PDB file of N, CA and C in Angstrom:
ATOM      1  N   MET A   1      -6.801   8.420 -13.238  1.00  0.00           N
ATOM      2  CA  MET A   1      -5.824   8.064 -13.099  1.00  0.00           C
ATOM      3  C   MET A   1      -5.210   6.490 -12.348  1.00  0.00           C
ATOM      4  N   LEU A   2      -4.231   6.537 -12.345  1.00  0.00           N
ATOM      5  CA  LEU A   2      -3.189   5.587 -11.654  1.00  0.00           C
ATOM      6  C   LEU A   2      -2.853   6.447  -9.799  1.00  0.00           C
ATOM      7  N   VAL A   3      -3.314   5.544  -9.079  1.00  0.00           N
ATOM      8  CA  VAL A   3      -2.717   5.945  -8.120  1.00  0.00           C
ATOM      9  C   VAL A   3      -1.752   4.894  -7.397  1.00  0.00           C
ATOM     10  N   LEU A   4      -1.109   4.497  -7.136  1.00  0.00           N
ATOM     11  CA  LEU A   4      -0.011   4.107  -6.075  1.00  0.00           C
ATOM     12  C   LEU A   4      -0.210   4.241  -4.800  1.00  0.00           C
ATOM     13  N   ILE A   5      -1.079   3.341  -3.724  1.00  0.00           N
ATOM     14  CA  ILE A   5      -0.915   3.158  -2.638  1.00  0.00           C
ATOM     15  C   ILE A   5       0.411   2.557  -1.822  1.00  0.00           C
ATOM     16  N   THR A   6       1.157   2.980  -0.460  1.00  0.00           N
ATOM     17  CA  THR A   6       1.185   2.706  -0.109  1.00  0.00           C
ATOM     18  C   THR A   6       1.492   2.000   1.372  1.00  0.00           C
ATOM     19  N   TYR A   7       1.270   1.422   2.348  1.00  0.00           N
ATOM     20  CA  TYR A   7       0.938   2.522   4.014  1.00  0.00           C
ATOM     21  C   TYR A   7       1.975   0.817   4.499  1.00  0.00           C
ATOM     22  N   ASP A   8       2.421   1.690   5.783  1.00  0.00           N
ATOM     23  CA  ASP A   8       3.487   0.951   6.605  1.00  0.00           C
ATOM     24  C   ASP A   8       2.299   1.135   8.231  1.00  0.00           C
ATOM     25  N   VAL A   9       2.508   0.225   8.531  1.00  0.00           N
ATOM     26  CA  VAL A   9       1.406  -0.500   9.806  1.00  0.00           C
ATOM     27  C   VAL A   9       1.543  -0.755  11.085  1.00  0.00           C
ATOM     28  N   ASN A  10       2.947   0.186  12.126  1.00  0.00           N
ATOM     29  CA  ASN A  10       2.651  -0.590  13.996  1.00  0.00           C
ATOM     30  C   ASN A  10       2.373  -2.520  13.467  1.00  0.00           C
ATOM     31  N   THR A  11       2.781  -2.736  14.109  1.00  0.00           N
ATOM     32  CA  THR A  11       1.752  -4.109  14.121  1.00  0.00           C
ATOM     33  C   THR A  11       2.432  -4.681  14.738  1.00  0.00           C
ATOM     34  N   GLU A  12       2.675  -3.481  16.216  1.00  0.00           N
ATOM     35  CA  GLU A  12       3.455  -4.842  17.129  1.00  0.00           C
ATOM     36  C   GLU A  12       2.351  -4.836  18.057  1.00  0.00           C
ATOM     37  N   ASP A  13       1.223  -4.467  18.026  1.00  0.00           N
ATOM     38  CA  ASP A  13       0.171  -4.766  18.701  1.00  0.00           C
ATOM     39  C   ASP A  13      -1.075  -5.461  18.592  1.00  0.00           C
ATOM     40  N   ALA A  14      -2.618  -6.276  18.965  1.00  0.00           N
ATOM     41  CA  ALA A  14      -3.281  -5.974  18.579  1.00  0.00           C
ATOM     42  C   ALA A  14      -3.966  -4.977  17.873  1.00  0.00           C
ATOM     43  N   ALA A  15      -3.796  -4.028  18.204  1.00  0.00           N
ATOM     44  CA  ALA A  15      -4.680  -2.645  17.775  1.00  0.00           C
ATOM     45  C   ALA A  15      -4.338  -2.553  15.839  1.00  0.00           C
ATOM     46  N   GLY A  16      -2.935  -2.570  16.428  1.00  0.00           N
ATOM     47  CA  GLY A  16      -2.133  -2.903  14.908  1.00  0.00           C
ATOM     48  C   GLY A  16      -2.095  -3.123  13.772  1.00  0.00           C
ATOM     49  N   ARG A  17      -2.264  -4.549  13.999  1.00  0.00           N
ATOM     50  CA  ARG A  17      -2.981  -6.110  13.506  1.00  0.00           C
ATOM     51  C   ARG A  17      -4.238  -5.829  12.713  1.00  0.00           C
ATOM     52  N   LYS A  18      -4.792  -5.521  13.662  1.00  0.00           N
ATOM     53  CA  LYS A  18      -6.499  -4.809  13.095  1.00  0.00           C
ATOM     54  C   LYS A  18      -6.310  -3.572  12.233  1.00  0.00           C
ATOM     55  N   ARG A  19      -5.668  -2.674  12.848  1.00  0.00           N
ATOM     56  CA  ARG A  19      -6.274  -1.799  11.910  1.00  0.00           C
ATOM     57  C   ARG A  19      -4.937  -1.542  10.347  1.00  0.00           C
ATOM     58  N   LEU A  20      -3.823  -3.110  10.232  1.00  0.00           N
ATOM     59  CA  LEU A  20      -3.662  -3.603   8.852  1.00  0.00           C
ATOM     60  C   LEU A  20      -4.208  -3.980   8.549  1.00  0.00           C
ATOM     61  N   ARG A  21      -5.231  -4.718   8.808  1.00  0.00           N
ATOM     62  CA  ARG A  21      -6.432  -5.644   8.279  1.00  0.00           C
ATOM     63  C   ARG A  21      -7.601  -5.104   7.716  1.00  0.00           C
ATOM     64  N   LYS A  22      -7.899  -3.699   8.233  1.00  0.00           N
ATOM     65  CA  LYS A  22      -8.573  -2.934   7.608  1.00  0.00           C
ATOM     66  C   LYS A  22      -7.820  -1.885   6.672  1.00  0.00           C
ATOM     67  N   ILE A  23      -7.040  -1.730   6.458  1.00  0.00           N
ATOM     68  CA  ILE A  23      -6.512  -0.972   5.596  1.00  0.00           C
ATOM     69  C   ILE A  23      -6.191  -1.228   4.176  1.00  0.00           C
ATOM     70  N   ALA A  24      -5.363  -3.111   4.643  1.00  0.00           N
ATOM     71  CA  ALA A  24      -5.746  -3.593   3.373  1.00  0.00           C
ATOM     72  C   ALA A  24      -6.965  -3.656   2.371  1.00  0.00           C
ATOM     73  N   LYS A  25      -8.056  -4.167   3.694  1.00  0.00           N
ATOM     74  CA  LYS A  25      -9.642  -4.500   2.848  1.00  0.00           C
ATOM     75  C   LYS A  25     -10.462  -2.966   2.043  1.00  0.00           C
ATOM     76  N   LEU A  26     -10.057  -1.704   1.998  1.00  0.00           N
ATOM     77  CA  LEU A  26     -10.656  -0.670   2.215  1.00  0.00           C
ATOM     78  C   LEU A  26      -9.715  -0.646   1.029  1.00  0.00           C
ATOM     79  N   CYS A  27      -8.127  -1.510   0.413  1.00  0.00           N
ATOM     80  CA  CYS A  27      -7.584  -1.187  -0.580  1.00  0.00           C
ATOM     81  C   CYS A  27      -8.229  -1.973  -1.726  1.00  0.00           C
ATOM     82  N   VAL A  28      -8.005  -3.104  -1.037  1.00  0.00           N
ATOM     83  CA  VAL A  28      -8.796  -3.957  -1.934  1.00  0.00           C
ATOM     84  C   VAL A  28      -9.399  -3.895  -2.710  1.00  0.00           C
ATOM     85  N   ASN A  29     -10.909  -3.446  -1.998  1.00  0.00           N
ATOM     86  CA  ASN A  29     -11.918  -3.067  -2.292  1.00  0.00           C
ATOM     87  C   ASN A  29     -12.197  -1.890  -2.962  1.00  0.00           C
ATOM     88  N   TYR A  30     -10.894  -1.502  -3.997  1.00  0.00           N
ATOM     89  CA  TYR A  30     -10.500  -0.007  -4.955  1.00  0.00           C
ATOM     90  C   TYR A  30      -9.513  -0.524  -5.990  1.00  0.00           C
ATOM     91  N   GLY A  31      -8.361  -1.430  -5.499  1.00  0.00           N
ATOM     92  CA  GLY A  31      -7.981  -1.981  -6.653  1.00  0.00           C
ATOM     93  C   GLY A  31      -7.228  -3.288  -6.096  1.00  0.00           C
ATOM     94  N   GLN A  32      -5.778  -2.855  -6.535  1.00  0.00           N
ATOM     95  CA  GLN A  32      -5.195  -4.558  -7.225  1.00  0.00           C
ATOM     96  C   GLN A  32      -3.344  -4.394  -6.451  1.00  0.00           C
ATOM     97  N   ARG A  33      -4.099  -5.769  -5.383  1.00  0.00           N
ATOM     98  CA  ARG A  33      -2.634  -5.772  -4.847  1.00  0.00           C
ATOM     99  C   ARG A  33      -1.497  -6.235  -5.541  1.00  0.00           C
ATOM    100  N   VAL A  34      -0.312  -5.428  -5.406  1.00  0.00           N
ATOM    101  CA  VAL A  34       1.162  -5.506  -6.134  1.00  0.00           C
ATOM    102  C   VAL A  34       1.959  -6.338  -5.783  1.00  0.00           C
ATOM    103  N   GLN A  35       2.149  -6.191  -4.716  1.00  0.00           N
ATOM    104  CA  GLN A  35       2.650  -6.187  -3.387  1.00  0.00           C
ATOM    105  C   GLN A  35       2.485  -6.379  -2.054  1.00  0.00           C
ATOM    106  N   ASN A  36       2.816  -6.091  -0.909  1.00  0.00           N
ATOM    107  CA  ASN A  36       1.751  -6.589   0.539  1.00  0.00           C
ATOM    108  C   ASN A  36       1.561  -5.697   0.568  1.00  0.00           C
ATOM    109  N   SER A  37       2.530  -4.620   0.576  1.00  0.00           N
ATOM    110  CA  SER A  37       1.272  -3.195   1.454  1.00  0.00           C
ATOM    111  C   SER A  37       1.537  -2.344   0.431  1.00  0.00           C
ATOM    112  N   VAL A  38       1.081  -2.845  -0.960  1.00  0.00           N
ATOM    113  CA  VAL A  38       1.316  -1.219  -2.418  1.00  0.00           C
ATOM    114  C   VAL A  38       0.594  -2.078  -3.164  1.00  0.00           C
ATOM    115  N   PHE A  39      -0.386  -1.496  -3.417  1.00  0.00           N
ATOM    116  CA  PHE A  39      -1.716  -1.061  -4.753  1.00  0.00           C
ATOM    117  C   PHE A  39      -1.503  -0.244  -5.459  1.00  0.00           C
ATOM    118  N   GLU A  40      -2.267  -0.762  -7.062  1.00  0.00           N
ATOM    119  CA  GLU A  40      -2.339   0.062  -8.347  1.00  0.00           C
ATOM    120  C   GLU A  40      -3.788  -0.093  -8.320  1.00  0.00           C
ATOM    121  N   CYS A  41      -4.332   1.514  -8.146  1.00  0.00           N
ATOM    122  CA  CYS A  41      -5.851   1.903  -8.402  1.00  0.00           C
ATOM    123  C   CYS A  41      -5.935   2.768  -9.178  1.00  0.00           C
ATOM    124  N   VAL A  42      -6.721   1.870 -10.449  1.00  0.00           N
ATOM    125  CA  VAL A  42      -7.421   3.033 -10.873  1.00  0.00           C
ATOM    126  C   VAL A  42      -8.395   4.022 -10.809  1.00  0.00           C
ATOM    127  N   LEU A  43      -8.922   5.286 -10.528  1.00  0.00           N
ATOM    128  CA  LEU A  43      -9.653   5.831  -9.730  1.00  0.00           C
ATOM    129  C   LEU A  43      -9.622   7.558  -9.677  1.00  0.00           C
ATOM    130  N   GLN A  44     -11.214   7.568 -10.148  1.00  0.00           N
ATOM    131  CA  GLN A  44     -11.672   8.994 -10.799  1.00  0.00           C
ATOM    132  C   GLN A  44     -11.851  10.240  -9.468  1.00  0.00           C
ATOM    133  N   ALA A  45     -11.462  11.329  -9.342  1.00  0.00           N
ATOM    134  CA  ALA A  45     -10.714  12.202  -8.370  1.00  0.00           C
ATOM    135  C   ALA A  45     -11.729  12.063  -7.057  1.00  0.00           C
ATOM    136  N   ASP A  46     -12.901  12.105  -6.904  1.00  0.00           N
ATOM    137  CA  ASP A  46     -13.548  11.788  -6.239  1.00  0.00           C
ATOM    138  C   ASP A  46     -13.704  10.583  -5.472  1.00  0.00           C
ATOM    139  N   GLU A  47     -13.514   9.255  -5.690  1.00  0.00           N
ATOM    140  CA  GLU A  47     -12.871   7.468  -5.243  1.00  0.00           C
ATOM    141  C   GLU A  47     -11.314   8.344  -4.646  1.00  0.00           C
ATOM    142  N   CYS A  48     -10.715   8.848  -4.567  1.00  0.00           N
ATOM    143  CA  CYS A  48      -9.459   8.599  -4.396  1.00  0.00           C
ATOM    144  C   CYS A  48      -9.244   9.601  -3.482  1.00  0.00           C
ATOM    145  N   ARG A  49     -10.379  10.903  -3.334  1.00  0.00           N
ATOM    146  CA  ARG A  49     -10.534  11.122  -1.973  1.00  0.00           C
ATOM    147  C   ARG A  49     -11.612  11.050  -0.891  1.00  0.00           C
ATOM    148  N   ARG A  50     -12.531   9.821  -1.672  1.00  0.00           N
ATOM    149  CA  ARG A  50     -13.257   8.865  -0.461  1.00  0.00           C
ATOM    150  C   ARG A  50     -12.312   7.924  -0.062  1.00  0.00           C
ATOM    151  N   LEU A  51     -11.560   6.946  -0.367  1.00  0.00           N
ATOM    152  CA  LEU A  51     -10.936   6.403   0.331  1.00  0.00           C
ATOM    153  C   LEU A  51      -9.194   6.561   0.299  1.00  0.00           C
ATOM    154  N   GLN A  52      -9.665   7.109   0.514  1.00  0.00           N
ATOM    155  CA  GLN A  52      -8.408   8.455   1.067  1.00  0.00           C
ATOM    156  C   GLN A  52      -8.114   9.645   2.597  1.00  0.00           C
ATOM    157  N   HIS A  53      -9.691   9.566   2.489  1.00  0.00           N
ATOM    158  CA  HIS A  53     -10.505   9.938   3.996  1.00  0.00           C
ATOM    159  C   HIS A  53     -11.081   8.903   4.812  1.00  0.00           C
ATOM    160  N   ALA A  54     -11.196   6.798   4.029  1.00  0.00           N
ATOM    161  CA  ALA A  54     -11.723   6.439   4.775  1.00  0.00           C
ATOM    162  C   ALA A  54     -10.226   5.638   5.521  1.00  0.00           C
ATOM    163  N   LEU A  55      -8.655   5.993   4.579  1.00  0.00           N
ATOM    164  CA  LEU A  55      -7.503   5.207   5.139  1.00  0.00           C
ATOM    165  C   LEU A  55      -7.274   5.699   5.955  1.00  0.00           C
ATOM    166  N   LEU A  56      -7.509   7.333   6.159  1.00  0.00           N
ATOM    167  CA  LEU A  56      -7.203   8.059   7.083  1.00  0.00           C
ATOM    168  C   LEU A  56      -7.881   7.813   8.468  1.00  0.00           C
ATOM    169  N   GLN A  57      -8.849   7.328   8.672  1.00  0.00           N
ATOM    170  CA  GLN A  57     -10.204   7.604   9.360  1.00  0.00           C
ATOM    171  C   GLN A  57      -9.081   6.448   9.585  1.00  0.00           C
ATOM    172  N   GLU A  58      -8.637   5.214   9.770  1.00  0.00           N
ATOM    173  CA  GLU A  58      -8.040   4.020   9.985  1.00  0.00           C
ATOM    174  C   GLU A  58      -6.835   3.834  10.686  1.00  0.00           C
ATOM    175  N   MET A  59      -6.318   4.773  10.212  1.00  0.00           N
ATOM    176  CA  MET A  59      -4.962   4.586  10.534  1.00  0.00           C
ATOM    177  C   MET A  59      -4.706   5.596  11.696  1.00  0.00           C
ATOM    178  N   ASP A  60      -3.459   4.957  12.685  1.00  0.00           N
ATOM    179  CA  ASP A  60      -2.549   5.828  13.639  1.00  0.00           C
ATOM    180  C   ASP A  60      -1.909   6.294  13.598  1.00  0.00           C
ATOM    181  N   THR A  61      -2.209   7.893  12.536  1.00  0.00           N
ATOM    182  CA  THR A  61      -0.945   9.426  12.378  1.00  0.00           C
ATOM    183  C   THR A  61      -0.110   9.182  13.656  1.00  0.00           C
ATOM    184  N   GLU A  62       0.414   8.847  14.765  1.00  0.00           N
ATOM    185  CA  GLU A  62       1.111   8.169  16.050  1.00  0.00           C
ATOM    186  C   GLU A  62       2.976   7.356  15.202  1.00  0.00           C
ATOM    187  N   LYS A  63       1.476   6.040  14.322  1.00  0.00           N
ATOM    188  CA  LYS A  63       2.462   5.209  14.059  1.00  0.00           C
ATOM    189  C   LYS A  63       2.681   4.386  12.678  1.00  0.00           C
ATOM    190  N   ASP A  64       1.666   4.917  11.671  1.00  0.00           N
ATOM    191  CA  ASP A  64       1.627   4.502  11.111  1.00  0.00           C
ATOM    192  C   ASP A  64       1.827   5.254   9.717  1.00  0.00           C
ATOM    193  N   SER A  65       2.105   5.068   8.389  1.00  0.00           N
ATOM    194  CA  SER A  65       2.094   6.085   7.190  1.00  0.00           C
ATOM    195  C   SER A  65       1.423   5.324   6.378  1.00  0.00           C
ATOM    196  N   LEU A  66       1.348   6.106   5.843  1.00  0.00           N
ATOM    197  CA  LEU A  66       0.415   6.442   4.302  1.00  0.00           C
ATOM    198  C   LEU A  66       1.031   6.912   3.201  1.00  0.00           C
ATOM    199  N   ARG A  67       1.107   6.105   2.237  1.00  0.00           N
ATOM    200  CA  ARG A  67       1.982   7.426   0.558  1.00  0.00           C
ATOM    201  C   ARG A  67       0.776   7.114  -0.382  1.00  0.00           C
ATOM    202  N   PHE A  68       0.743   8.322  -1.150  1.00  0.00           N
ATOM    203  CA  PHE A  68      -0.426   8.174  -2.089  1.00  0.00           C
ATOM    204  C   PHE A  68       0.950   8.519  -3.518  1.00  0.00           C
ATOM    205  N   TYR A  69       0.947   7.635  -4.496  1.00  0.00           N
ATOM    206  CA  TYR A  69       1.629   9.050  -5.952  1.00  0.00           C
ATOM    207  C   TYR A  69       0.875   8.762  -6.756  1.00  0.00           C
ATOM    208  N   TYR A  70       0.303   9.521  -6.987  1.00  0.00           N
ATOM    209  CA  TYR A  70      -0.184   9.863  -8.474  1.00  0.00           C
ATOM    210  C   TYR A  70       0.868   9.907  -9.530  1.00  0.00           C
ATOM    211  N   LEU A  71       0.030   9.017 -10.693  1.00  0.00           N
ATOM    212  CA  LEU A  71       1.209   8.965 -11.613  1.00  0.00           C
ATOM    213  C   LEU A  71       0.154   9.173 -13.101  1.00  0.00           C
ATOM    214  N   GLY A  72      -1.310   9.346 -12.381  1.00  0.00           N
ATOM    215  CA  GLY A  72      -2.058  10.713 -13.675  1.00  0.00           C
ATOM    216  C   GLY A  72      -2.633   9.524 -14.890  1.00  0.00           C
ATOM    217  N   ALA A  73      -2.718  10.097 -15.964  1.00  0.00           N
ATOM    218  CA  ALA A  73      -4.077   9.051 -16.935  1.00  0.00           C
ATOM    219  C   ALA A  73      -3.021   8.042 -17.529  1.00  0.00           C
ATOM    220  N   ASN A  74      -1.535   8.807 -18.541  1.00  0.00           N
ATOM    221  CA  ASN A  74      -1.198   8.350 -19.133  1.00  0.00           C
ATOM    222  C   ASN A  74       0.160   7.934 -18.627  1.00  0.00           C
ATOM    223  N   TYR A  75      -0.972   7.062 -17.431  1.00  0.00           N
ATOM    224  CA  TYR A  75       0.032   5.811 -16.443  1.00  0.00           C
ATOM    225  C   TYR A  75       1.646   4.530 -17.172  1.00  0.00           C
ATOM    226  N   GLN A  76       0.576   4.394 -18.482  1.00  0.00           N
ATOM    227  CA  GLN A  76       1.069   2.561 -18.739  1.00  0.00           C
ATOM    228  C   GLN A  76       3.116   3.396 -19.656  1.00  0.00           C
ATOM    229  N   LYS A  77       3.806   4.583 -19.764  1.00  0.00           N
ATOM    230  CA  LYS A  77       4.618   4.755 -19.831  1.00  0.00           C
ATOM    231  C   LYS A  77       5.454   4.963 -18.552  1.00  0.00           C
ATOM    232  N   LYS A  78       4.677   5.270 -17.750  1.00  0.00           N
ATOM    233  CA  LYS A  78       5.126   5.489 -16.363  1.00  0.00           C
ATOM    234  C   LYS A  78       5.402   4.176 -15.452  1.00  0.00           C
ATOM    235  N   VAL A  79       5.075   3.110 -15.552  1.00  0.00           N
ATOM    236  CA  VAL A  79       4.972   2.085 -15.045  1.00  0.00           C
ATOM    237  C   VAL A  79       5.531   0.730 -15.775  1.00  0.00           C
ATOM    238  N   GLU A  80       7.014   0.238 -15.022  1.00  0.00           N
ATOM    239  CA  GLU A  80       7.811  -0.937 -16.053  1.00  0.00           C
ATOM    240  C   GLU A  80       8.327  -2.344 -14.402  1.00  0.00           C
ATOM    241  N   HIS A  81       7.969  -3.399 -15.151  1.00  0.00           N
ATOM    242  CA  HIS A  81       8.044  -4.467 -14.846  1.00  0.00           C
ATOM    243  C   HIS A  81       8.605  -5.311 -14.775  1.00  0.00           C
ATOM    244  N   PHE A  82       9.742  -5.698 -14.022  1.00  0.00           N
ATOM    245  CA  PHE A  82      10.786  -7.181 -13.975  1.00  0.00           C
ATOM    246  C   PHE A  82      10.600  -8.297 -13.476  1.00  0.00           C
ATOM    247  N   GLY A  83      10.747  -9.563 -13.455  1.00  0.00           N
ATOM    248  CA  GLY A  83      10.581  -9.912 -12.906  1.00  0.00           C
ATOM    249  C   GLY A  83       9.453 -11.088 -12.394  1.00  0.00           C
ATOM    250  N   THR A  84       9.411 -12.178 -11.400  1.00  0.00           N
ATOM    251  CA  THR A  84       8.150 -12.249 -11.357  1.00  0.00           C
ATOM    252  C   THR A  84       6.336 -12.199 -11.422  1.00  0.00           C
ATOM    253  N   LYS A  85       5.900 -12.955 -10.839  1.00  0.00           N
ATOM    254  CA  LYS A  85       3.674 -12.331 -10.879  1.00  0.00           C
ATOM    255  C   LYS A  85       3.072 -11.320 -11.858  1.00  0.00           C
ATOM    256  N   PRO A  86       3.167 -11.837 -13.255  1.00  0.00           N
ATOM    257  CA  PRO A  86       2.959 -11.297 -13.800  1.00  0.00           C
ATOM    258  C   PRO A  86       2.017  -9.985 -14.070  1.00  0.00           C
ATOM    259  N   SER A  87       2.809  -9.044 -14.565  1.00  0.00           N
ATOM    260  CA  SER A  87       2.123  -7.526 -14.228  1.00  0.00           C
ATOM    261  C   SER A  87       0.714  -7.833 -15.664  1.00  0.00           C
ATOM    262  N   TYR A  88      -0.610  -7.184 -14.572  1.00  0.00           N
ATOM    263  CA  TYR A  88      -1.804  -6.898 -15.387  1.00  0.00           C
ATOM    264  C   TYR A  88      -2.424  -5.541 -15.185  1.00  0.00           C
ATOM    265  N   ASP A  89      -3.091  -5.389 -16.209  1.00  0.00           N
ATOM    266  CA  ASP A  89      -4.130  -4.639 -17.162  1.00  0.00           C
ATOM    267  C   ASP A  89      -5.064  -3.611 -15.974  1.00  0.00           C
ATOM    268  N   PRO A  90      -4.869  -3.065 -14.865  1.00  0.00           N
ATOM    269  CA  PRO A  90      -5.489  -2.301 -14.407  1.00  0.00           C
ATOM    270  C   PRO A  90      -7.235  -1.696 -14.874  1.00  0.00           C
ATOM    271  N   GLU A  91      -6.686  -2.121 -16.077  1.00  0.00           N
ATOM    272  CA  GLU A  91      -8.001  -1.591 -17.153  1.00  0.00           C
ATOM    273  C   GLU A  91      -9.118  -2.340 -17.829  1.00  0.00           C
ATOM    274  N   GLY A  92      -8.106  -3.805 -17.612  1.00  0.00           N
ATOM    275  CA  GLY A  92      -8.687  -4.789 -18.194  1.00  0.00           C
ATOM    276  C   GLY A  92     -10.046  -5.164 -17.329  1.00  0.00           C
ATOM    277  N   MET A  93     -10.282  -6.744 -18.125  1.00  0.00           N
ATOM    278  CA  MET A  93     -11.303  -7.214 -17.542  1.00  0.00           C
ATOM    279  C   MET A  93     -11.084  -7.933 -16.125  1.00  0.00           C
ATOM    280  N   LEU A  94     -11.904  -7.469 -15.236  1.00  0.00           N
ATOM    281  CA  LEU A  94     -12.251  -8.267 -13.744  1.00  0.00           C
ATOM    282  C   LEU A  94     -13.048  -9.882 -13.685  1.00  0.00           C
ATOM    283  N   MET A  95     -12.331 -10.756 -13.390  1.00  0.00           N
ATOM    284  CA  MET A  95     -13.264 -11.889 -13.214  1.00  0.00           C
ATOM    285  C   MET A  95     -13.045 -11.884 -11.526  1.00  0.00           C
ATOM    286  N   VAL A  96     -14.525 -12.041 -11.720  1.00  0.00           N
ATOM    287  CA  VAL A  96     -14.618 -12.491 -10.014  1.00  0.00           C
ATOM    288  C   VAL A  96     -14.906 -13.520  -9.609  1.00  0.00           C
TER     289      VAL A  96
END
């Protein structure tokens, strides 16, 4: 299923900037950054729960915000892209 993950981390102090880096790094391991704090991730249910748990461990629930949007398996019909930064195929080949 395609999961859109968005976050907003309070970076007013060094601890917040550190949380931001850790949260972004976790998301990069599971998906593709499509905007600064937005990731598209194709995940199985167990992977999604694992990632969600890891992100919740890193964030400060008093200062930060984290959202998961579950677009499901038929996400191709639910996503439209306009403008710069060409779209990508999240299930296509990944070159490292």
